[in-house]
């Protein structure tokens, strides 16, 4: 089967008749999927990465050779379908881009209600 990912499609009646079914979303922490590998490699990097550098990181960590075109598509998926903030910028005077994830600071979490009652 190679690098091809399989998606299950959910079909429903009513308002969705005639619409293209949406694929079930892959989890972002699953290294068995291209999306997961791309997310994990980029999220754990402390520097900006170009597509070929990201491909090399994926190969080194997960022993999978994902193409630069596939990685670029997964970056778009992360932005559009998963709400992940992926920043890009040109590297120097080159037309090539480099990428990183923007890690937002997490706010103070709410206390567990069971702990609050005890």
N, C-alpha and C. Protein backbone atom coordinates (compact mmCIF):
# COMPACT_ATOMS: atom_id res chain seq x y z
N UNK A 1 0.80 -1.20 0.00
CA UNK A 1 0.00 0.00 0.00
C UNK A 1 0.85 1.26 0.00
N UNK A 2 2.07 1.21 0.51
CA UNK A 2 2.95 2.36 0.45
C UNK A 2 2.53 3.47 1.40
N UNK A 3 2.70 4.71 0.93
CA UNK A 3 2.41 5.88 1.75
C UNK A 3 0.97 6.34 1.64
N UNK A 4 0.14 5.61 0.92
CA UNK A 4 -1.23 6.06 0.73
C UNK A 4 -2.02 5.89 2.01
N UNK A 5 -2.76 6.93 2.36
CA UNK A 5 -3.59 6.88 3.55
C UNK A 5 -5.02 6.59 3.13
N UNK A 6 -5.70 5.83 3.95
CA UNK A 6 -7.09 5.50 3.67
C UNK A 6 -7.98 6.26 4.64
N UNK A 7 -9.05 6.82 4.15
CA UNK A 7 -10.00 7.57 4.96
C UNK A 7 -11.36 6.91 4.86
N UNK A 8 -12.05 6.88 5.98
CA UNK A 8 -13.42 6.40 5.95
C UNK A 8 -14.32 7.59 5.68
N UNK A 9 -15.32 7.39 4.85
CA UNK A 9 -16.26 8.45 4.55
C UNK A 9 -17.58 8.13 5.22
N UNK A 10 -18.15 9.14 5.83
CA UNK A 10 -19.42 8.98 6.50
C UNK A 10 -20.50 9.55 5.60
N UNK A 11 -21.49 8.76 5.31
CA UNK A 11 -22.59 9.24 4.47
C UNK A 11 -23.83 9.38 5.33
N UNK A 12 -24.51 10.47 5.12
CA UNK A 12 -25.75 10.73 5.85
C UNK A 12 -26.78 11.25 4.88
N UNK A 13 -28.00 11.22 5.27
CA UNK A 13 -29.07 11.75 4.42
C UNK A 13 -29.36 13.19 4.79
N UNK A 14 -30.48 13.68 4.35
CA UNK A 14 -30.92 15.02 4.71
C UNK A 14 -30.14 16.12 4.01
N UNK A 15 -29.67 17.09 4.79
CA UNK A 15 -29.03 18.29 4.24
C UNK A 15 -27.73 17.99 3.50
N UNK A 16 -27.12 16.85 3.77
CA UNK A 16 -25.83 16.54 3.14
C UNK A 16 -25.96 15.79 1.82
N UNK A 17 -27.18 15.55 1.36
CA UNK A 17 -27.36 14.83 0.10
C UNK A 17 -26.76 15.66 -1.03
N UNK A 18 -25.93 15.04 -1.86
CA UNK A 18 -25.31 15.74 -2.97
C UNK A 18 -23.99 16.40 -2.64
N UNK A 19 -23.64 16.47 -1.37
CA UNK A 19 -22.36 17.07 -0.97
C UNK A 19 -21.29 15.99 -0.92
N UNK A 20 -20.05 16.41 -1.12
CA UNK A 20 -18.93 15.49 -1.01
C UNK A 20 -18.69 15.18 0.46
N UNK A 21 -18.64 13.90 0.81
CA UNK A 21 -18.39 13.55 2.22
C UNK A 21 -17.01 14.01 2.65
N UNK A 22 -16.88 14.40 3.91
CA UNK A 22 -15.60 14.84 4.44
C UNK A 22 -14.86 13.65 5.05
N UNK A 23 -13.54 13.57 4.85
CA UNK A 23 -12.79 12.47 5.45
C UNK A 23 -12.72 12.61 6.96
N UNK A 24 -12.65 11.47 7.64
CA UNK A 24 -12.48 11.50 9.09
C UNK A 24 -11.09 12.04 9.38
N UNK A 25 -10.99 12.90 10.35
CA UNK A 25 -9.72 13.55 10.64
C UNK A 25 -8.77 12.60 11.36
N UNK A 26 -7.52 12.64 10.93
CA UNK A 26 -6.48 11.84 11.57
C UNK A 26 -6.04 12.55 12.85
N UNK A 27 -5.59 11.78 13.81
CA UNK A 27 -5.07 12.40 15.02
C UNK A 27 -3.68 12.94 14.75
N UNK A 28 -3.38 14.05 15.37
CA UNK A 28 -2.13 14.74 15.09
C UNK A 28 -0.91 14.06 15.72
N UNK A 29 -1.12 13.21 16.70
CA UNK A 29 0.02 12.56 17.35
C UNK A 29 0.25 11.14 16.86
N UNK A 30 -0.27 10.80 15.68
CA UNK A 30 -0.15 9.46 15.13
C UNK A 30 0.98 9.41 14.10
N UNK A 31 2.14 8.84 14.45
CA UNK A 31 3.25 8.80 13.51
C UNK A 31 3.03 7.84 12.34
N UNK A 32 1.95 7.08 12.36
CA UNK A 32 1.64 6.18 11.24
C UNK A 32 1.03 6.94 10.06
N UNK A 33 0.62 8.20 10.27
CA UNK A 33 0.03 8.99 9.19
C UNK A 33 0.99 10.11 8.78
N UNK A 34 0.91 10.52 7.52
CA UNK A 34 1.73 11.65 7.06
C UNK A 34 1.43 12.89 7.88
N UNK A 35 0.17 13.13 8.15
CA UNK A 35 -0.23 14.30 8.93
C UNK A 35 0.42 14.25 10.31
N UNK A 36 0.35 13.10 10.96
CA UNK A 36 0.95 12.96 12.29
C UNK A 36 2.45 13.14 12.28
N UNK A 37 3.13 12.54 11.30
CA UNK A 37 4.58 12.68 11.21
C UNK A 37 4.98 14.13 10.98
N UNK A 38 4.26 14.81 10.08
CA UNK A 38 4.56 16.21 9.79
C UNK A 38 4.37 17.06 11.04
N UNK A 39 3.24 16.86 11.72
CA UNK A 39 2.96 17.63 12.93
C UNK A 39 4.00 17.36 14.01
N UNK A 40 4.28 16.09 14.27
CA UNK A 40 5.22 15.75 15.34
C UNK A 40 6.62 16.29 15.06
N UNK A 41 7.09 16.14 13.83
CA UNK A 41 8.44 16.61 13.49
C UNK A 41 8.53 18.13 13.60
N UNK A 42 7.52 18.83 13.13
CA UNK A 42 7.56 20.29 13.16
C UNK A 42 7.30 20.83 14.57
N UNK A 43 6.42 20.20 15.31
CA UNK A 43 6.07 20.71 16.64
C UNK A 43 7.22 20.55 17.63
N UNK A 44 8.08 19.57 17.42
CA UNK A 44 9.17 19.34 18.35
C UNK A 44 10.47 20.00 17.91
N UNK A 45 10.44 20.71 16.79
CA UNK A 45 11.62 21.41 16.30
C UNK A 45 11.71 22.77 16.98
N UNK A 46 12.92 23.17 17.29
CA UNK A 46 13.14 24.48 17.92
C UNK A 46 13.60 25.52 16.91
N UNK A 47 13.60 25.16 15.63
CA UNK A 47 14.06 26.09 14.60
C UNK A 47 13.11 26.07 13.41
N UNK A 48 13.30 27.02 12.52
CA UNK A 48 12.56 27.05 11.27
C UNK A 48 13.10 25.94 10.38
N UNK A 49 12.23 25.26 9.64
CA UNK A 49 12.65 24.18 8.76
C UNK A 49 12.11 24.38 7.35
N UNK A 50 12.97 24.13 6.36
CA UNK A 50 12.53 24.11 4.97
C UNK A 50 11.94 22.73 4.70
N UNK A 51 11.22 22.59 3.59
CA UNK A 51 10.56 21.32 3.30
C UNK A 51 11.54 20.16 3.25
N UNK A 52 12.70 20.35 2.62
CA UNK A 52 13.66 19.25 2.55
C UNK A 52 14.24 18.91 3.92
N UNK A 53 14.36 19.90 4.80
CA UNK A 53 14.83 19.65 6.16
C UNK A 53 13.77 18.91 6.97
N UNK A 54 12.53 19.27 6.76
CA UNK A 54 11.43 18.59 7.43
C UNK A 54 11.33 17.14 6.95
N UNK A 55 11.52 16.91 5.65
CA UNK A 55 11.52 15.55 5.10
C UNK A 55 12.66 14.73 5.71
N UNK A 56 13.84 15.33 5.86
CA UNK A 56 14.98 14.64 6.47
C UNK A 56 14.71 14.31 7.93
N UNK A 57 14.07 15.22 8.65
CA UNK A 57 13.71 14.99 10.05
C UNK A 57 12.72 13.84 10.18
N UNK A 58 11.73 13.81 9.30
CA UNK A 58 10.74 12.73 9.30
C UNK A 58 11.42 11.40 9.01
N UNK A 59 12.32 11.38 8.04
CA UNK A 59 13.04 10.15 7.70
C UNK A 59 13.88 9.68 8.88
N UNK A 60 14.59 10.59 9.53
CA UNK A 60 15.44 10.23 10.66
C UNK A 60 14.63 9.71 11.85
N UNK A 61 13.51 10.33 12.12
CA UNK A 61 12.72 9.97 13.31
C UNK A 61 11.79 8.80 13.10
N UNK A 62 11.17 8.73 11.91
CA UNK A 62 10.11 7.75 11.69
C UNK A 62 10.43 6.73 10.61
N UNK A 63 11.60 6.83 10.00
CA UNK A 63 12.03 5.91 8.94
C UNK A 63 11.02 5.84 7.80
N UNK A 64 10.45 6.99 7.46
CA UNK A 64 9.50 7.09 6.35
C UNK A 64 9.93 8.24 5.46
N UNK A 65 9.89 8.01 4.15
CA UNK A 65 10.30 9.03 3.19
C UNK A 65 9.05 9.70 2.62
N UNK A 66 8.65 10.82 3.21
CA UNK A 66 7.51 11.60 2.72
C UNK A 66 8.05 12.67 1.78
N UNK A 67 7.42 12.83 0.63
CA UNK A 67 7.88 13.81 -0.35
C UNK A 67 7.64 15.24 0.14
N UNK A 68 8.40 16.16 -0.41
CA UNK A 68 8.21 17.57 -0.06
C UNK A 68 6.82 18.05 -0.45
N UNK A 69 6.29 17.56 -1.58
CA UNK A 69 4.94 17.94 -2.00
C UNK A 69 3.91 17.44 -0.99
N UNK A 70 4.09 16.22 -0.49
CA UNK A 70 3.16 15.66 0.49
C UNK A 70 3.24 16.44 1.80
N UNK A 71 4.45 16.78 2.22
CA UNK A 71 4.62 17.55 3.46
C UNK A 71 3.98 18.92 3.32
N UNK A 72 4.15 19.57 2.18
CA UNK A 72 3.53 20.86 1.93
C UNK A 72 2.00 20.76 2.02
N UNK A 73 1.45 19.70 1.46
CA UNK A 73 0.00 19.48 1.53
C UNK A 73 -0.45 19.25 2.97
N UNK A 74 0.35 18.52 3.75
CA UNK A 74 -0.02 18.28 5.15
C UNK A 74 0.06 19.57 5.96
N UNK A 75 1.00 20.45 5.63
CA UNK A 75 1.06 21.75 6.30
C UNK A 75 -0.21 22.55 6.03
N UNK A 76 -0.69 22.50 4.79
CA UNK A 76 -1.96 23.18 4.47
C UNK A 76 -3.11 22.54 5.25
N UNK A 77 -3.12 21.21 5.35
CA UNK A 77 -4.16 20.52 6.12
C UNK A 77 -4.13 20.95 7.58
N UNK A 78 -2.94 21.06 8.15
CA UNK A 78 -2.83 21.48 9.54
C UNK A 78 -3.44 22.86 9.74
N UNK A 79 -3.17 23.77 8.80
CA UNK A 79 -3.73 25.12 8.89
C UNK A 79 -5.24 25.13 8.70
N UNK A 80 -5.69 24.53 7.62
CA UNK A 80 -7.09 24.65 7.20
C UNK A 80 -8.05 23.78 7.99
N UNK A 81 -7.65 22.56 8.30
CA UNK A 81 -8.61 21.61 8.87
C UNK A 81 -8.38 21.31 10.34
N UNK A 82 -7.24 21.70 10.87
CA UNK A 82 -6.94 21.35 12.26
C UNK A 82 -6.66 22.57 13.12
N UNK A 83 -6.72 23.76 12.55
CA UNK A 83 -6.56 24.99 13.33
C UNK A 83 -5.17 25.19 13.92
N UNK A 84 -4.16 24.54 13.34
CA UNK A 84 -2.80 24.68 13.84
C UNK A 84 -2.16 25.90 13.17
N UNK A 85 -1.48 26.71 13.94
CA UNK A 85 -0.85 27.92 13.42
C UNK A 85 0.53 27.56 12.87
N UNK A 86 0.64 27.48 11.56
CA UNK A 86 1.91 27.20 10.89
C UNK A 86 2.38 28.50 10.26
N UNK A 87 3.53 28.98 10.70
CA UNK A 87 4.10 30.20 10.14
C UNK A 87 5.07 29.85 9.03
N UNK A 88 5.16 30.73 8.04
CA UNK A 88 6.15 30.54 6.98
C UNK A 88 6.80 31.89 6.69
N UNK A 89 8.02 31.81 6.22
CA UNK A 89 8.75 33.01 5.82
C UNK A 89 9.79 32.59 4.79
N UNK A 90 10.25 33.56 4.02
CA UNK A 90 11.32 33.29 3.06
C UNK A 90 12.64 33.17 3.82
N UNK A 91 13.47 32.26 3.34
CA UNK A 91 14.79 32.12 3.94
C UNK A 91 15.77 33.00 3.18
N UNK A 92 16.21 34.05 3.82
CA UNK A 92 17.15 34.98 3.20
C UNK A 92 16.56 35.62 1.95
N UNK A 93 17.38 35.72 0.92
CA UNK A 93 16.95 36.31 -0.35
C UNK A 93 16.33 35.26 -1.28
N UNK A 94 16.30 34.03 -0.84
CA UNK A 94 15.79 32.92 -1.64
C UNK A 94 14.27 32.99 -1.76
N UNK A 95 13.74 32.34 -2.78
CA UNK A 95 12.29 32.22 -2.92
C UNK A 95 11.76 31.07 -2.07
N UNK A 96 12.66 30.24 -1.55
CA UNK A 96 12.27 29.09 -0.73
C UNK A 96 11.74 29.56 0.63
N UNK A 97 10.78 28.81 1.15
CA UNK A 97 10.19 29.14 2.44
C UNK A 97 10.64 28.15 3.50
N UNK A 98 10.57 28.61 4.74
CA UNK A 98 10.81 27.75 5.89
C UNK A 98 9.60 27.89 6.81
N UNK A 99 9.40 26.88 7.65
CA UNK A 99 8.17 26.77 8.41
C UNK A 99 8.46 26.47 9.87
N UNK A 100 7.51 26.86 10.72
CA UNK A 100 7.53 26.47 12.13
C UNK A 100 6.11 26.54 12.66
N UNK A 101 5.88 25.85 13.76
CA UNK A 101 4.60 25.94 14.44
C UNK A 101 4.69 27.05 15.46
N UNK A 102 3.63 27.80 15.57
CA UNK A 102 3.56 28.82 16.60
C UNK A 102 2.95 28.16 17.83
N UNK A 103 3.72 28.11 18.88
CA UNK A 103 3.25 27.50 20.13
C UNK A 103 2.66 28.61 20.99
N UNK A 104 1.38 28.53 21.24
CA UNK A 104 0.71 29.52 22.07
C UNK A 104 0.90 29.16 23.54
N UNK A 105 1.09 30.18 24.36
CA UNK A 105 1.21 29.94 25.79
C UNK A 105 -0.13 29.48 26.33
N UNK A 106 -0.08 28.46 27.13
CA UNK A 106 -1.32 27.95 27.72
C UNK A 106 -1.67 28.74 28.96
N UNK A 107 -2.96 29.05 29.08
CA UNK A 107 -3.42 29.77 30.25
C UNK A 107 -3.51 28.87 31.45
N UNK A 108 -3.73 29.47 32.62
CA UNK A 108 -3.87 28.69 33.84
C UNK A 108 -5.11 27.81 33.71
N UNK A 109 -4.95 26.53 33.98
CA UNK A 109 -6.07 25.61 33.80
C UNK A 109 -7.06 25.74 34.96
N UNK A 110 -8.28 25.38 34.68
CA UNK A 110 -9.33 25.38 35.69
C UNK A 110 -9.09 24.22 36.65
N UNK A 111 -9.40 24.39 37.95
CA UNK A 111 -9.23 23.28 38.88
C UNK A 111 -10.24 22.19 38.57
N UNK A 112 -9.86 20.98 38.88
CA UNK A 112 -10.75 19.83 38.72
C UNK A 112 -11.91 20.00 39.70
N UNK A 113 -13.14 19.87 39.23
CA UNK A 113 -14.31 20.09 40.08
C UNK A 113 -14.38 19.07 41.21
N UNK A 114 -13.93 17.84 41.00
CA UNK A 114 -13.93 16.85 42.07
C UNK A 114 -12.95 17.25 43.17
N UNK A 115 -11.80 17.80 42.79
CA UNK A 115 -10.84 18.27 43.79
C UNK A 115 -11.40 19.45 44.55
N UNK A 116 -12.12 20.33 43.89
CA UNK A 116 -12.68 21.52 44.54
C UNK A 116 -13.74 21.14 45.57
N UNK A 117 -14.46 20.03 45.35
CA UNK A 117 -15.51 19.61 46.27
C UNK A 117 -14.96 18.91 47.50
N UNK A 118 -13.73 18.45 47.46
CA UNK A 118 -13.16 17.70 48.60
C UNK A 118 -12.51 18.60 49.61
